[in-house]
Amino acid sequence: MKKSSLLLIAMIASVSGCVSNQAVQTVQAGDDNKSCSAIKSELAGLGAKFEDAKDDSGVTGKNVGLAIVFWPGILVNEVRSNKNQDSIDARISNLSALYNSKCLATEESRRASDTAVGKLRDLKELHEQGIINDEEYEVARKRAVDSL
């Protein structure tokens, strides 16, 4: 009875000491439809998740416990921890590229548009004040509009 109880406790300890599978799909359905703030939020969460996966690697309480009860479990833990880290890293890279193309490009085009609109307002003001004539105004206005 005591042996079976000890064996049961050892098995529970070894199973609870295993690293869980936290692998993440690199590309997920709906990624292209996510807003910039949703991408930022998920990236922040993945950063924390990556740190958790990294903490499962190396000399940890789980691995020490496995070494005492079932030493090959250390190898399983290390492999699973590395797979978790690699999948999370790939997801972060994918979302970062998506954020850069979707959100940063939008901000840059908005800034460029704001600059062009400001230039058009300045030209109109110069024209209304009589500093530039009609012909100069039209040429400068067309250049500003073409740069949009």
Protein backbone atom coordinates (compact mmCIF):
# COMPACT_ATOMS: atom_id res chain seq x y z
CA MET A 1 0.00 0.00 0.00
CA LYS A 2 2.77 2.42 0.94
CA LYS A 3 4.70 1.64 -2.23
CA SER A 4 1.68 2.27 -4.44
CA SER A 5 0.98 5.53 -2.59
CA LEU A 6 4.58 6.66 -3.03
CA LEU A 7 4.51 5.64 -6.68
CA LEU A 8 1.29 7.60 -7.21
CA ILE A 9 2.76 10.68 -5.53
CA ALA A 10 5.93 10.38 -7.64
CA MET A 11 3.89 10.11 -10.85
CA ILE A 12 1.77 13.13 -9.94
CA ALA A 13 4.90 15.12 -9.10
CA SER A 14 6.55 14.19 -12.39
CA VAL A 15 3.49 15.06 -14.45
CA SER A 16 2.97 18.37 -12.63
CA GLY A 17 6.63 19.17 -13.22
CA CYS A 18 6.32 18.98 -17.01
CA VAL A 19 6.35 22.10 -19.14
CA SER A 20 2.97 22.64 -20.74
CA ASN A 21 2.59 23.02 -24.48
CA GLN A 22 2.22 26.77 -25.06
CA ALA A 23 3.04 26.69 -28.78
CA VAL A 24 1.36 29.44 -30.77
CA GLN A 25 0.40 29.45 -34.45
CA THR A 26 2.53 31.94 -36.37
CA VAL A 27 -0.29 33.13 -38.63
CA GLN A 28 -3.82 33.05 -37.30
CA ALA A 29 -7.17 33.61 -38.94
CA GLY A 30 -8.23 37.24 -38.74
CA ASP A 31 -4.73 38.67 -38.35
CA ASP A 32 -5.25 40.98 -41.34
CA ASN A 33 -8.47 42.32 -39.82
CA LYS A 34 -6.94 43.27 -36.46
CA SER A 35 -6.75 46.92 -35.53
CA CYS A 36 -3.42 48.53 -34.68
CA SER A 37 -4.31 48.64 -31.00
CA ALA A 38 -5.31 44.94 -31.03
CA ILE A 39 -1.97 44.03 -32.61
CA LYS A 40 -0.10 46.11 -30.02
CA SER A 41 -2.03 44.47 -27.21
CA GLU A 42 -1.34 40.96 -28.47
CA LEU A 43 2.35 41.78 -28.92
CA ALA A 44 2.53 42.90 -25.29
CA GLY A 45 0.86 39.68 -24.14
CA LEU A 46 3.19 37.59 -26.28
CA GLY A 47 6.20 39.30 -24.73
CA ALA A 48 5.07 38.18 -21.28
CA LYS A 49 4.26 34.70 -22.59
CA PHE A 50 7.75 34.45 -24.13
CA GLU A 51 9.33 35.30 -20.78
CA ASP A 52 7.23 32.59 -19.10
CA ALA A 53 8.33 30.04 -21.71
CA LYS A 54 11.95 31.11 -21.25
CA ASP A 55 11.63 30.66 -17.47
CA ASP A 56 10.71 26.99 -18.04
CA SER A 57 14.14 26.31 -19.55
CA GLY A 58 17.35 25.51 -17.69
CA VAL A 59 17.69 24.73 -13.99
CA THR A 60 14.19 25.13 -12.62
CA GLY A 61 12.24 23.57 -9.80
CA LYS A 62 10.38 21.47 -12.35
CA ASN A 63 13.59 20.13 -13.87
CA VAL A 64 15.18 19.43 -10.48
CA GLY A 65 12.05 17.53 -9.44
CA LEU A 66 12.14 15.57 -12.68
CA ALA A 67 15.81 14.77 -12.20
CA ILE A 68 14.99 13.16 -8.88
CA VAL A 69 11.95 11.21 -10.09
CA PHE A 70 12.37 10.71 -13.85
CA TRP A 71 15.55 12.18 -15.39
CA PRO A 72 14.55 11.80 -19.09
CA GLY A 73 11.75 14.24 -18.33
CA ILE A 74 14.35 17.02 -18.27
CA LEU A 75 15.01 16.46 -21.98
CA VAL A 76 11.30 16.56 -22.73
CA ASN A 77 10.94 19.80 -20.77
CA GLU A 78 13.87 21.45 -22.56
CA VAL A 79 12.61 20.46 -26.02
CA ARG A 80 9.07 21.61 -25.27
CA SER A 81 10.31 24.87 -23.74
CA ASN A 82 12.41 25.58 -26.85
CA LYS A 83 9.46 24.81 -29.14
CA ASN A 84 7.26 27.16 -27.12
CA GLN A 85 9.85 29.94 -27.34
CA ASP A 86 10.36 29.43 -31.09
CA SER A 87 6.63 29.50 -31.86
CA ILE A 88 6.04 32.61 -29.75
CA ASP A 89 9.04 34.32 -31.36
CA ALA A 90 7.70 33.51 -34.85
CA ARG A 91 4.27 34.91 -33.89
CA ILE A 92 5.89 38.10 -32.57
CA SER A 93 7.83 38.49 -35.84
CA ASN A 94 4.68 37.99 -37.90
CA LEU A 95 2.64 40.49 -35.88
CA SER A 96 5.50 43.01 -35.86
CA ALA A 97 5.72 42.88 -39.65
CA LEU A 98 1.94 43.25 -39.89
CA TYR A 99 1.99 46.22 -37.49
CA ASN A 100 4.80 47.90 -39.42
CA SER A 101 3.08 47.53 -42.77
CA LYS A 102 -0.42 48.33 -41.57
CA CYS A 103 -0.02 50.87 -38.79
CA LEU A 104 3.26 52.66 -39.35
CA ALA A 105 2.56 53.12 -43.06
CA THR A 106 -0.79 54.67 -42.15
CA GLU A 107 0.83 57.09 -39.71
CA GLU A 108 3.47 58.12 -42.27
CA SER A 109 0.89 58.71 -45.01
CA ARG A 110 -1.24 60.70 -42.55
CA ARG A 111 1.75 62.90 -41.71
CA ALA A 112 2.54 63.39 -45.39
CA SER A 113 -1.09 64.25 -46.08
CA ASP A 114 -1.13 66.74 -43.19
CA THR A 115 2.01 68.37 -44.61
CA ALA A 116 0.48 68.64 -48.09
CA VAL A 117 -2.79 70.06 -46.71
CA GLY A 118 -0.82 72.59 -44.70
CA LYS A 119 1.10 73.56 -47.81
CA LEU A 120 -2.16 74.07 -49.74
CA ARG A 121 -3.51 76.29 -46.96
CA ASP A 122 -0.32 78.35 -46.97
CA LEU A 123 -0.52 78.74 -50.75
CA LYS A 124 -4.14 79.85 -50.56
CA GLU A 125 -3.25 82.39 -47.88
CA LEU A 126 -0.37 83.74 -49.96
CA HIS A 127 -2.69 84.03 -52.98
CA GLU A 128 -5.40 85.79 -51.00
CA GLN A 129 -2.85 88.25 -49.63
CA GLY A 130 -1.67 88.99 -53.16
CA ILE A 131 1.86 87.77 -52.53
CA ILE A 132 1.59 85.31 -55.44
CA ASN A 133 -0.49 85.79 -58.56
CA ASP A 134 -3.12 83.46 -60.03
CA GLU A 135 -0.69 81.67 -62.33
CA GLU A 136 1.89 81.02 -59.60
CA TYR A 137 -0.86 79.83 -57.27
CA GLU A 138 -2.21 77.32 -59.81
CA VAL A 139 1.25 75.92 -60.62
CA ALA A 140 2.15 75.53 -56.92
CA ARG A 141 -1.29 74.09 -56.09
CA LYS A 142 -1.02 71.46 -58.85
CA ARG A 143 2.44 70.44 -57.60
CA ALA A 144 1.14 70.09 -54.04
CA VAL A 145 -1.88 68.05 -55.15
CA ASP A 146 0.31 65.80 -57.35
CA SER A 147 2.56 65.07 -54.36
CA LEU A 148 -0.39 63.53 -52.44
